[in-house]
Amino acid sequence: MYLARTFTLRGLIQFGWKQCLLFAVVSTLVCLVYDPDEFQHIAIPFLPLATLGTAMAIILGFRNNSAYDRWWEARKIWGGLVNQSRTWAMQLVTCLTPGEGEEKEAALARQEMVHRQIGYLNALRLQLRRQDNWAEVTPLLPERERDQLPLWKNKATQINVCNAEQLREAWKRGWIDSFHHVALLDTLEQFYELQGKCERIKNTPLPRQYSFFTTLFVWIFILLLPFGFVKELHWWTVPMSVLIGWIFMALEQVGRYTEEPFNNFVHDVPMTALCRTIEIDLRQTLGETELPPPVEPVRNILM
């Protein structure tokens, strides 16, 4: 997620310099070919072009609003994962009451379930970003589950199942009463619901025909600009076409990047930072003092 309020000039140039170069070449060719006596027919009236530009601005506005809605929903989902994870750790700390002589064993089980939750969130992050750096997750799992991790298709789901199974064992041993057992299962169910929402956003993009035709129409409009400007602006057609073309192309690209909040890109939901925040909170809930540092932004980018 990009945190700065403004972009650097270098960043703006890198954002669309190839397209601007193309716009400049096309505009220059139109200016070279246009002749008010012999080739004036290549010029088109500006009024229909202005109407098309207005329509494109409205379409891009709707498309970008839809893209932002997807991004904001993804951010709210991860906010829910943060809150539910804190609830999970708090419930385990306050509701797990072992019998006499079982305190160490219960403390180990509590630690495993909390650490496993940290592993669950990192596994979900890696799955959503289509990454396979499972070495980040392995140390958070008990020894008995580490060999199984590569075999699981949906690793986040199976990690949650392991928490449910260990919770059942704690209930059988009388460390948790039935009321709190149900409450903890409800929390695990919330994780599945939030995970399903993330997977829906990841696997169901905006309708492809909607994105394709929006991009196509933007390109058609931009490439027509020099033909609408050349009669009135002459060589001023080149800078004006490049400027207006860059504006429309930038708006189109903003929508395209924003609609995919889990692609490990600059404008993504900062899942790595959120996972680290949760890890710090959950470890402190357990009373641990050796904590990892928060993830800091690099060049105003928080991943």
C-alpha atoms as a PDB file:
ATOM      1  CA  MET A   1       0.000   0.000   0.000  1.00  0.00           C
ATOM      2  CA  TYR A   2       1.425   3.364  -1.032  1.00  0.00           C
ATOM      3  CA  LEU A   3       1.393   5.700   1.979  1.00  0.00           C
ATOM      4  CA  ALA A   4       2.646   9.056   0.685  1.00  0.00           C
ATOM      5  CA  ARG A   5       0.090  11.716  -0.174  1.00  0.00           C
ATOM      6  CA  THR A   6       1.855  12.577  -3.431  1.00  0.00           C
ATOM      7  CA  PHE A   7       3.861  10.749  -6.076  1.00  0.00           C
ATOM      8  CA  THR A   8       7.370  11.749  -7.079  1.00  0.00           C
ATOM      9  CA  LEU A   9       8.006  13.090 -10.569  1.00  0.00           C
ATOM     10  CA  ARG A  10      10.070   9.996 -11.276  1.00  0.00           C
ATOM     11  CA  GLY A  11       7.194   7.787 -10.195  1.00  0.00           C
ATOM     12  CA  LEU A  12       4.753   9.650 -12.410  1.00  0.00           C
ATOM     13  CA  ILE A  13       7.074   9.329 -15.393  1.00  0.00           C
ATOM     14  CA  GLN A  14       7.597   5.617 -14.790  1.00  0.00           C
ATOM     15  CA  PHE A  15       3.852   5.136 -14.418  1.00  0.00           C
ATOM     16  CA  GLY A  16       3.087   5.783 -18.098  1.00  0.00           C
ATOM     17  CA  TRP A  17       6.097   6.958 -20.087  1.00  0.00           C
ATOM     18  CA  LYS A  18       5.725   4.223 -22.710  1.00  0.00           C
ATOM     19  CA  GLN A  19       2.129   5.192 -23.423  1.00  0.00           C
ATOM     20  CA  CYS A  20       3.051   8.893 -23.497  1.00  0.00           C
ATOM     21  CA  LEU A  21       5.784   8.152 -26.018  1.00  0.00           C
ATOM     22  CA  LEU A  22       3.265   6.363 -28.217  1.00  0.00           C
ATOM     23  CA  PHE A  23       0.812   9.270 -27.910  1.00  0.00           C
ATOM     24  CA  ALA A  24       3.575  11.702 -28.905  1.00  0.00           C
ATOM     25  CA  VAL A  25       4.540   9.627 -31.956  1.00  0.00           C
ATOM     26  CA  VAL A  26       0.939   9.312 -33.165  1.00  0.00           C
ATOM     27  CA  SER A  27       0.265  13.023 -32.611  1.00  0.00           C
ATOM     28  CA  THR A  28       3.443  14.004 -34.434  1.00  0.00           C
ATOM     29  CA  LEU A  29       2.551  11.819 -37.418  1.00  0.00           C
ATOM     30  CA  VAL A  30      -0.913  13.378 -37.588  1.00  0.00           C
ATOM     31  CA  CYS A  31       0.608  16.880 -37.523  1.00  0.00           C
ATOM     32  CA  LEU A  32       3.068  15.959 -40.265  1.00  0.00           C
ATOM     33  CA  VAL A  33       0.391  14.479 -42.516  1.00  0.00           C
ATOM     34  CA  TYR A  34      -2.210  17.187 -41.956  1.00  0.00           C
ATOM     35  CA  ASP A  35      -2.336  19.918 -44.577  1.00  0.00           C
ATOM     36  CA  PRO A  36      -5.166  22.491 -44.572  1.00  0.00           C
ATOM     37  CA  ASP A  37      -5.223  22.435 -48.388  1.00  0.00           C
ATOM     38  CA  GLU A  38      -4.632  18.796 -49.380  1.00  0.00           C
ATOM     39  CA  PHE A  39      -5.125  16.565 -46.310  1.00  0.00           C
ATOM     40  CA  GLN A  40      -7.588  18.463 -44.182  1.00  0.00           C
ATOM     41  CA  HIS A  41     -10.029  15.566 -44.395  1.00  0.00           C
ATOM     42  CA  ILE A  42      -8.056  13.652 -41.723  1.00  0.00           C
ATOM     43  CA  ALA A  43      -9.255  16.186 -39.145  1.00  0.00           C
ATOM     44  CA  ILE A  44     -12.465  15.257 -37.349  1.00  0.00           C
ATOM     45  CA  PRO A  45     -14.925  17.625 -35.615  1.00  0.00           C
ATOM     46  CA  PHE A  46     -14.113  18.171 -31.966  1.00  0.00           C
ATOM     47  CA  LEU A  47     -17.731  18.040 -30.733  1.00  0.00           C
ATOM     48  CA  PRO A  48     -18.253  14.257 -31.099  1.00  0.00           C
ATOM     49  CA  LEU A  49     -14.791  13.723 -29.608  1.00  0.00           C
ATOM     50  CA  ALA A  50     -15.713  15.857 -26.609  1.00  0.00           C
ATOM     51  CA  THR A  51     -18.927  13.859 -26.188  1.00  0.00           C
ATOM     52  CA  LEU A  52     -16.934  10.626 -26.293  1.00  0.00           C
ATOM     53  CA  GLY A  53     -14.506  12.017 -23.722  1.00  0.00           C
ATOM     54  CA  THR A  54     -17.352  12.877 -21.364  1.00  0.00           C
ATOM     55  CA  ALA A  55     -18.780   9.382 -21.729  1.00  0.00           C
ATOM     56  CA  MET A  56     -15.362   7.832 -21.080  1.00  0.00           C
ATOM     57  CA  ALA A  57     -14.893   9.922 -17.939  1.00  0.00           C
ATOM     58  CA  ILE A  58     -18.227   8.646 -16.586  1.00  0.00           C
ATOM     59  CA  ILE A  59     -17.403   5.025 -17.465  1.00  0.00           C
ATOM     60  CA  LEU A  60     -13.969   5.273 -15.834  1.00  0.00           C
ATOM     61  CA  GLY A  61     -15.550   6.805 -12.751  1.00  0.00           C
ATOM     62  CA  PHE A  62     -17.956   3.891 -12.354  1.00  0.00           C
ATOM     63  CA  ARG A  63     -15.207   1.342 -13.028  1.00  0.00           C
ATOM     64  CA  ASN A  64     -12.813   2.908 -10.522  1.00  0.00           C
ATOM     65  CA  ASN A  65     -15.548   3.098  -7.885  1.00  0.00           C
ATOM     66  CA  SER A  66     -16.197  -0.624  -8.350  1.00  0.00           C
ATOM     67  CA  ALA A  67     -12.470  -1.337  -8.099  1.00  0.00           C
ATOM     68  CA  TYR A  68     -12.141   0.707  -4.903  1.00  0.00           C
ATOM     69  CA  ASP A  69     -15.140  -1.081  -3.400  1.00  0.00           C
ATOM     70  CA  ARG A  70     -13.286  -4.385  -3.910  1.00  0.00           C
ATOM     71  CA  TRP A  71     -10.116  -2.992  -2.334  1.00  0.00           C
ATOM     72  CA  TRP A  72     -11.970  -1.518   0.634  1.00  0.00           C
ATOM     73  CA  GLU A  73     -13.915  -4.742   1.200  1.00  0.00           C
ATOM     74  CA  ALA A  74     -10.621  -6.651   1.209  1.00  0.00           C
ATOM     75  CA  ARG A  75      -9.196  -4.233   3.774  1.00  0.00           C
ATOM     76  CA  LYS A  76     -12.258  -4.594   6.001  1.00  0.00           C
ATOM     77  CA  ILE A  77     -11.993  -8.377   5.792  1.00  0.00           C
ATOM     78  CA  TRP A  78      -8.412  -8.258   6.992  1.00  0.00           C
ATOM     79  CA  GLY A  79      -9.466  -5.885   9.738  1.00  0.00           C
ATOM     80  CA  GLY A  80     -11.923  -8.587  10.782  1.00  0.00           C
ATOM     81  CA  LEU A  81      -9.134 -11.175  10.775  1.00  0.00           C
ATOM     82  CA  VAL A  82      -7.077  -8.911  13.042  1.00  0.00           C
ATOM     83  CA  ASN A  83      -9.935  -8.503  15.521  1.00  0.00           C
ATOM     84  CA  GLN A  84     -10.987 -12.150  15.529  1.00  0.00           C
ATOM     85  CA  SER A  85      -7.380 -13.271  16.032  1.00  0.00           C
ATOM     86  CA  ARG A  86      -7.101 -11.069  19.100  1.00  0.00           C
ATOM     87  CA  THR A  87     -10.373 -12.502  20.350  1.00  0.00           C
ATOM     88  CA  TRP A  88      -9.085 -16.048  19.783  1.00  0.00           C
ATOM     89  CA  ALA A  89      -5.944 -15.438  21.853  1.00  0.00           C
ATOM     90  CA  MET A  90      -7.888 -13.675  24.603  1.00  0.00           C
ATOM     91  CA  GLN A  91     -10.389 -16.546  24.815  1.00  0.00           C
ATOM     92  CA  LEU A  92      -7.644 -19.150  25.077  1.00  0.00           C
ATOM     93  CA  VAL A  93      -5.823 -17.217  27.789  1.00  0.00           C
ATOM     94  CA  THR A  94      -8.931 -16.644  29.901  1.00  0.00           C
ATOM     95  CA  CYS A  95     -11.025 -19.766  29.226  1.00  0.00           C
ATOM     96  CA  LEU A  96      -8.443 -22.573  29.300  1.00  0.00           C
ATOM     97  CA  THR A  97      -8.493 -23.724  32.938  1.00  0.00           C
ATOM     98  CA  PRO A  98      -6.594 -27.007  33.427  1.00  0.00           C
ATOM     99  CA  GLY A  99      -6.771 -29.223  36.450  1.00  0.00           C
ATOM    100  CA  GLU A 100      -4.111 -29.508  39.124  1.00  0.00           C
ATOM    101  CA  GLY A 101      -0.791 -30.705  37.732  1.00  0.00           C
ATOM    102  CA  GLU A 102      -1.793 -30.022  34.118  1.00  0.00           C
ATOM    103  CA  GLU A 103      -0.778 -26.370  33.957  1.00  0.00           C
ATOM    104  CA  LYS A 104       2.385 -26.883  31.877  1.00  0.00           C
ATOM    105  CA  GLU A 105       0.647 -29.151  29.399  1.00  0.00           C
ATOM    106  CA  ALA A 106      -2.258 -26.723  29.049  1.00  0.00           C
ATOM    107  CA  ALA A 107       0.115 -23.778  28.637  1.00  0.00           C
ATOM    108  CA  LEU A 108       1.864 -25.637  25.805  1.00  0.00           C
ATOM    109  CA  ALA A 109      -1.489 -26.366  24.135  1.00  0.00           C
ATOM    110  CA  ARG A 110      -2.488 -22.705  24.491  1.00  0.00           C
ATOM    111  CA  GLN A 111       0.804 -21.588  22.973  1.00  0.00           C
ATOM    112  CA  GLU A 112       0.443 -24.037  20.069  1.00  0.00           C
ATOM    113  CA  MET A 113      -3.070 -22.854  19.246  1.00  0.00           C
ATOM    114  CA  VAL A 114      -2.076 -19.189  19.334  1.00  0.00           C
ATOM    115  CA  HIS A 115       1.078 -19.734  17.278  1.00  0.00           C
ATOM    116  CA  ARG A 116      -0.911 -21.862  14.866  1.00  0.00           C
ATOM    117  CA  GLN A 117      -3.292 -18.936  14.396  1.00  0.00           C
ATOM    118  CA  ILE A 118      -0.341 -16.747  13.419  1.00  0.00           C
ATOM    119  CA  GLY A 119       0.661 -19.459  10.963  1.00  0.00           C
ATOM    120  CA  TYR A 120      -2.890 -19.597   9.624  1.00  0.00           C
ATOM    121  CA  LEU A 121      -2.891 -15.891   8.775  1.00  0.00           C
ATOM    122  CA  ASN A 122       0.509 -16.055   7.099  1.00  0.00           C
ATOM    123  CA  ALA A 123      -0.580 -19.116   5.119  1.00  0.00           C
ATOM    124  CA  LEU A 124      -3.686 -17.257   3.970  1.00  0.00           C
ATOM    125  CA  ARG A 125      -1.535 -14.285   2.950  1.00  0.00           C
ATOM    126  CA  LEU A 126       0.782 -16.502   0.900  1.00  0.00           C
ATOM    127  CA  GLN A 127      -2.147 -18.275  -0.758  1.00  0.00           C
ATOM    128  CA  LEU A 128      -3.839 -15.037  -1.749  1.00  0.00           C
ATOM    129  CA  ARG A 129      -0.614 -13.710  -3.252  1.00  0.00           C
ATOM    130  CA  ARG A 130       0.151 -17.016  -5.000  1.00  0.00           C
ATOM    131  CA  GLN A 131       3.466 -17.291  -3.147  1.00  0.00           C
ATOM    132  CA  ASP A 132       5.085 -20.456  -1.815  1.00  0.00           C
ATOM    133  CA  ASN A 133       7.503 -19.265   0.862  1.00  0.00           C
ATOM    134  CA  TRP A 134       6.163 -21.757   3.391  1.00  0.00           C
ATOM    135  CA  ALA A 135       9.318 -21.454   5.488  1.00  0.00           C
ATOM    136  CA  GLU A 136       7.584 -18.448   7.070  1.00  0.00           C
ATOM    137  CA  VAL A 137       4.767 -20.688   8.296  1.00  0.00           C
ATOM    138  CA  THR A 138       6.605 -23.874   9.294  1.00  0.00           C
ATOM    139  CA  PRO A 139       8.198 -22.551  12.550  1.00  0.00           C
ATOM    140  CA  LEU A 140       4.757 -21.503  13.784  1.00  0.00           C
ATOM    141  CA  LEU A 141       3.372 -25.045  13.648  1.00  0.00           C
ATOM    142  CA  PRO A 142       3.988 -27.903  16.098  1.00  0.00           C
ATOM    143  CA  GLU A 143       6.603 -30.445  15.024  1.00  0.00           C
ATOM    144  CA  ARG A 144       3.946 -33.081  14.305  1.00  0.00           C
ATOM    145  CA  GLU A 145       2.298 -30.902  11.632  1.00  0.00           C
ATOM    146  CA  ARG A 146       5.314 -29.510   9.791  1.00  0.00           C
ATOM    147  CA  ASP A 147       5.760 -32.537   7.534  1.00  0.00           C
ATOM    148  CA  GLN A 148       2.087 -32.410   6.543  1.00  0.00           C
ATOM    149  CA  LEU A 149       2.172 -28.759   5.460  1.00  0.00           C
ATOM    150  CA  PRO A 150       3.504 -29.401   1.907  1.00  0.00           C
ATOM    151  CA  LEU A 151       0.798 -32.049   1.362  1.00  0.00           C
ATOM    152  CA  TRP A 152      -2.152 -29.781   2.117  1.00  0.00           C
ATOM    153  CA  LYS A 153      -3.832 -28.189  -0.904  1.00  0.00           C
ATOM    154  CA  ASN A 154      -5.498 -25.399   1.066  1.00  0.00           C
ATOM    155  CA  LYS A 155      -2.984 -24.928   3.837  1.00  0.00           C
ATOM    156  CA  ALA A 156      -4.820 -22.182   5.698  1.00  0.00           C
ATOM    157  CA  THR A 157      -7.958 -24.318   5.915  1.00  0.00           C
ATOM    158  CA  GLN A 158      -6.114 -27.335   7.281  1.00  0.00           C
ATOM    159  CA  ILE A 159      -4.233 -25.270   9.841  1.00  0.00           C
ATOM    160  CA  ASN A 160      -7.585 -24.054  11.140  1.00  0.00           C
ATOM    161  CA  VAL A 161      -8.783 -27.679  11.296  1.00  0.00           C
ATOM    162  CA  CYS A 162      -5.777 -28.530  13.467  1.00  0.00           C
ATOM    163  CA  ASN A 163      -6.770 -25.781  15.886  1.00  0.00           C
ATOM    164  CA  ALA A 164     -10.307 -27.165  16.026  1.00  0.00           C
ATOM    165  CA  GLU A 165      -9.000 -30.675  16.745  1.00  0.00           C
ATOM    166  CA  GLN A 166      -6.709 -29.479  19.532  1.00  0.00           C
ATOM    167  CA  LEU A 167      -9.580 -27.452  20.945  1.00  0.00           C
ATOM    168  CA  ARG A 168     -11.716 -30.597  21.034  1.00  0.00           C
ATOM    169  CA  GLU A 169      -8.988 -32.438  22.950  1.00  0.00           C
ATOM    170  CA  ALA A 170      -8.846 -29.616  25.489  1.00  0.00           C
ATOM    171  CA  TRP A 171     -12.623 -29.845  25.901  1.00  0.00           C
ATOM    172  CA  LYS A 172     -12.473 -33.617  26.372  1.00  0.00           C
ATOM    173  CA  ARG A 173      -9.869 -33.213  29.089  1.00  0.00           C
ATOM    174  CA  GLY A 174     -12.054 -30.718  30.900  1.00  0.00           C
ATOM    175  CA  TRP A 175      -9.825 -27.709  30.337  1.00  0.00           C
ATOM    176  CA  ILE A 176     -12.698 -25.877  28.630  1.00  0.00           C
ATOM    177  CA  ASP A 177     -16.369 -26.072  29.540  1.00  0.00           C
ATOM    178  CA  SER A 178     -19.011 -26.610  26.866  1.00  0.00           C
ATOM    179  CA  PHE A 179     -20.077 -22.969  26.768  1.00  0.00           C
ATOM    180  CA  HIS A 180     -16.579 -21.670  26.085  1.00  0.00           C
ATOM    181  CA  HIS A 181     -15.917 -24.539  23.692  1.00  0.00           C
ATOM    182  CA  VAL A 182     -18.841 -23.389  21.540  1.00  0.00           C
ATOM    183  CA  ALA A 183     -17.659 -19.765  21.759  1.00  0.00           C
ATOM    184  CA  LEU A 184     -14.184 -20.731  20.563  1.00  0.00           C
ATOM    185  CA  LEU A 185     -15.637 -22.793  17.721  1.00  0.00           C
ATOM    186  CA  ASP A 186     -17.661 -19.736  16.694  1.00  0.00           C
ATOM    187  CA  THR A 187     -14.420 -17.771  16.475  1.00  0.00           C
ATOM    188  CA  LEU A 188     -12.875 -20.468  14.263  1.00  0.00           C
ATOM    189  CA  GLU A 189     -15.989 -20.342  12.099  1.00  0.00           C
ATOM    190  CA  GLN A 190     -15.492 -16.593  11.688  1.00  0.00           C
ATOM    191  CA  PHE A 191     -12.015 -17.266  10.324  1.00  0.00           C
ATOM    192  CA  TYR A 192     -13.494 -19.555   7.671  1.00  0.00           C
ATOM    193  CA  GLU A 193     -16.102 -16.977   6.737  1.00  0.00           C
ATOM    194  CA  LEU A 194     -13.500 -14.227   6.362  1.00  0.00           C
ATOM    195  CA  GLN A 195     -11.177 -16.553   4.454  1.00  0.00           C
ATOM    196  CA  GLY A 196     -13.995 -17.408   2.056  1.00  0.00           C
ATOM    197  CA  LYS A 197     -14.609 -13.722   1.392  1.00  0.00           C
ATOM    198  CA  CYS A 198     -10.919 -13.217   0.594  1.00  0.00           C
ATOM    199  CA  GLU A 199     -10.962 -16.176  -1.784  1.00  0.00           C
ATOM    200  CA  ARG A 200     -14.073 -14.819  -3.485  1.00  0.00           C
ATOM    201  CA  ILE A 201     -12.369 -11.493  -4.180  1.00  0.00           C
ATOM    202  CA  LYS A 202      -9.191 -13.240  -5.338  1.00  0.00           C
ATOM    203  CA  ASN A 203     -10.872 -15.771  -7.631  1.00  0.00           C
ATOM    204  CA  THR A 204     -13.734 -13.630  -8.970  1.00  0.00           C
ATOM    205  CA  PRO A 205     -12.377 -10.574 -10.790  1.00  0.00           C
ATOM    206  CA  LEU A 206     -14.511  -7.821 -12.229  1.00  0.00           C
ATOM    207  CA  PRO A 207     -16.250  -9.117 -15.375  1.00  0.00           C
ATOM    208  CA  ARG A 208     -13.528  -9.367 -18.004  1.00  0.00           C
ATOM    209  CA  GLN A 209     -15.692  -7.895 -20.738  1.00  0.00           C
ATOM    210  CA  TYR A 210     -16.238  -4.833 -18.551  1.00  0.00           C
ATOM    211  CA  SER A 211     -12.509  -4.263 -18.066  1.00  0.00           C
ATOM    212  CA  PHE A 212     -11.610  -5.166 -21.656  1.00  0.00           C
ATOM    213  CA  PHE A 213     -14.046  -2.805 -23.330  1.00  0.00           C
ATOM    214  CA  THR A 214     -13.263   0.010 -20.900  1.00  0.00           C
ATOM    215  CA  THR A 215      -9.575  -0.261 -21.794  1.00  0.00           C
ATOM    216  CA  LEU A 216     -10.371  -0.581 -25.506  1.00  0.00           C
ATOM    217  CA  PHE A 217     -12.601   2.497 -25.524  1.00  0.00           C
ATOM    218  CA  VAL A 218      -9.974   4.533 -23.650  1.00  0.00           C
ATOM    219  CA  TRP A 219      -7.374   3.658 -26.271  1.00  0.00           C
ATOM    220  CA  ILE A 220      -9.738   4.508 -29.126  1.00  0.00           C
ATOM    221  CA  PHE A 221     -10.516   7.876 -27.553  1.00  0.00           C
ATOM    222  CA  ILE A 222      -6.847   8.693 -26.924  1.00  0.00           C
ATOM    223  CA  LEU A 223      -5.770   7.754 -30.456  1.00  0.00           C
ATOM    224  CA  LEU A 224      -8.547   9.916 -31.910  1.00  0.00           C
ATOM    225  CA  LEU A 225      -7.484  12.990 -29.929  1.00  0.00           C
ATOM    226  CA  PRO A 226      -4.840  14.252 -32.417  1.00  0.00           C
ATOM    227  CA  PHE A 227      -7.361  14.115 -35.264  1.00  0.00           C
ATOM    228  CA  GLY A 228      -9.730  16.314 -33.277  1.00  0.00           C
ATOM    229  CA  PHE A 229      -7.037  18.793 -32.194  1.00  0.00           C
ATOM    230  CA  VAL A 230      -4.901  19.181 -35.310  1.00  0.00           C
ATOM    231  CA  LYS A 231      -7.129  21.620 -37.203  1.00  0.00           C
ATOM    232  CA  GLU A 232      -7.287  24.122 -34.347  1.00  0.00           C
ATOM    233  CA  LEU A 233      -4.057  23.527 -32.421  1.00  0.00           C
ATOM    234  CA  HIS A 234      -1.601  22.483 -35.122  1.00  0.00           C
ATOM    235  CA  TRP A 235       1.698  21.566 -33.391  1.00  0.00           C
ATOM    236  CA  TRP A 236       0.152  22.188 -29.987  1.00  0.00           C
ATOM    237  CA  THR A 237      -1.706  18.974 -30.773  1.00  0.00           C
ATOM    238  CA  VAL A 238       1.293  16.937 -29.588  1.00  0.00           C
ATOM    239  CA  PRO A 239       1.570  18.181 -25.963  1.00  0.00           C
ATOM    240  CA  MET A 240      -2.208  18.429 -25.530  1.00  0.00           C
ATOM    241  CA  SER A 241      -2.774  14.885 -26.826  1.00  0.00           C
ATOM    242  CA  VAL A 242      -0.010  13.523 -24.604  1.00  0.00           C
ATOM    243  CA  LEU A 243      -1.353  15.332 -21.530  1.00  0.00           C
ATOM    244  CA  ILE A 244      -5.009  14.349 -21.967  1.00  0.00           C
ATOM    245  CA  GLY A 245      -4.068  10.839 -23.074  1.00  0.00           C
ATOM    246  CA  TRP A 246      -1.883  10.376 -19.994  1.00  0.00           C
ATOM    247  CA  ILE A 247      -4.715  11.524 -17.712  1.00  0.00           C
ATOM    248  CA  PHE A 248      -7.195   9.035 -19.140  1.00  0.00           C
ATOM    249  CA  MET A 249      -4.632   6.223 -19.219  1.00  0.00           C
ATOM    250  CA  ALA A 250      -3.639   6.922 -15.607  1.00  0.00           C
ATOM    251  CA  LEU A 251      -7.278   6.721 -14.512  1.00  0.00           C
ATOM    252  CA  GLU A 252      -7.689   3.443 -16.384  1.00  0.00           C
ATOM    253  CA  GLN A 253      -4.574   1.948 -14.801  1.00  0.00           C
ATOM    254  CA  VAL A 254      -5.560   3.092 -11.308  1.00  0.00           C
ATOM    255  CA  GLY A 255      -8.795   1.136 -11.642  1.00  0.00           C
ATOM    256  CA  ARG A 256      -6.997  -1.899 -13.069  1.00  0.00           C
ATOM    257  CA  TYR A 257      -4.474  -2.056 -10.232  1.00  0.00           C
ATOM    258  CA  THR A 258      -6.980  -1.304  -7.468  1.00  0.00           C
ATOM    259  CA  GLU A 259      -9.415  -4.054  -8.457  1.00  0.00           C
ATOM    260  CA  GLU A 260      -6.853  -6.732  -7.484  1.00  0.00           C
ATOM    261  CA  PRO A 261      -6.062  -6.146  -3.778  1.00  0.00           C
ATOM    262  CA  PHE A 262      -4.136  -9.414  -3.274  1.00  0.00           C
ATOM    263  CA  ASN A 263      -1.612  -9.350  -6.152  1.00  0.00           C
ATOM    264  CA  ASN A 264       1.504  -8.422  -4.123  1.00  0.00           C
ATOM    265  CA  PHE A 265       1.625  -5.059  -5.868  1.00  0.00           C
ATOM    266  CA  VAL A 266       2.329  -1.539  -4.620  1.00  0.00           C
ATOM    267  CA  HIS A 267      -1.354  -0.727  -4.072  1.00  0.00           C
ATOM    268  CA  ASP A 268      -2.314  -4.020  -2.379  1.00  0.00           C
ATOM    269  CA  VAL A 269      -3.826  -4.486   1.041  1.00  0.00           C
ATOM    270  CA  PRO A 270      -0.736  -4.543   3.346  1.00  0.00           C
ATOM    271  CA  MET A 271      -1.184  -8.140   4.468  1.00  0.00           C
ATOM    272  CA  THR A 272       2.454  -8.636   5.499  1.00  0.00           C
ATOM    273  CA  ALA A 273       2.266  -5.684   7.890  1.00  0.00           C
ATOM    274  CA  LEU A 274      -1.111  -6.829   9.224  1.00  0.00           C
ATOM    275  CA  CYS A 275       0.194 -10.357   9.835  1.00  0.00           C
ATOM    276  CA  ARG A 276       3.128  -8.929  11.775  1.00  0.00           C
ATOM    277  CA  THR A 277       0.811  -6.693  13.804  1.00  0.00           C
ATOM    278  CA  ILE A 278      -1.319  -9.692  14.731  1.00  0.00           C
ATOM    279  CA  GLU A 279       1.763 -11.744  15.595  1.00  0.00           C
ATOM    280  CA  ILE A 280       3.032  -9.069  17.974  1.00  0.00           C
ATOM    281  CA  ASP A 281      -0.374  -8.723  19.657  1.00  0.00           C
ATOM    282  CA  LEU A 282      -0.891 -12.471  20.046  1.00  0.00           C
ATOM    283  CA  ARG A 283       2.593 -13.118  21.399  1.00  0.00           C
ATOM    284  CA  GLN A 284       2.137 -10.344  23.940  1.00  0.00           C
ATOM    285  CA  THR A 285      -1.197 -11.864  24.941  1.00  0.00           C
ATOM    286  CA  LEU A 286       0.712 -15.051  25.765  1.00  0.00           C
ATOM    287  CA  GLY A 287       3.167 -13.033  27.843  1.00  0.00           C
ATOM    288  CA  GLU A 288       6.091 -13.426  25.458  1.00  0.00           C
ATOM    289  CA  THR A 289       8.750 -10.727  25.540  1.00  0.00           C
ATOM    290  CA  GLU A 290      10.838 -11.572  22.460  1.00  0.00           C
ATOM    291  CA  LEU A 291       8.754  -9.927  19.768  1.00  0.00           C
ATOM    292  CA  PRO A 292       9.462  -9.337  16.079  1.00  0.00           C
ATOM    293  CA  PRO A 293       9.637  -5.690  14.969  1.00  0.00           C
ATOM    294  CA  PRO A 294       6.690  -4.165  13.085  1.00  0.00           C
ATOM    295  CA  VAL A 295       6.935  -4.079   9.306  1.00  0.00           C
ATOM    296  CA  GLU A 296       8.036  -0.613   8.230  1.00  0.00           C
ATOM    297  CA  PRO A 297       7.273   1.016   4.877  1.00  0.00           C
ATOM    298  CA  VAL A 298      10.062   1.032   2.312  1.00  0.00           C
ATOM    299  CA  ARG A 299      10.029   4.109   0.046  1.00  0.00           C
ATOM    300  CA  ASN A 300       6.496   4.854   1.283  1.00  0.00           C
ATOM    301  CA  ILE A 301       5.303   1.340   0.360  1.00  0.00           C
ATOM    302  CA  LEU A 302       3.870  -0.907   3.084  1.00  0.00           C
ATOM    303  CA  MET A 303       3.456  -4.528   2.051  1.00  0.00           C
END
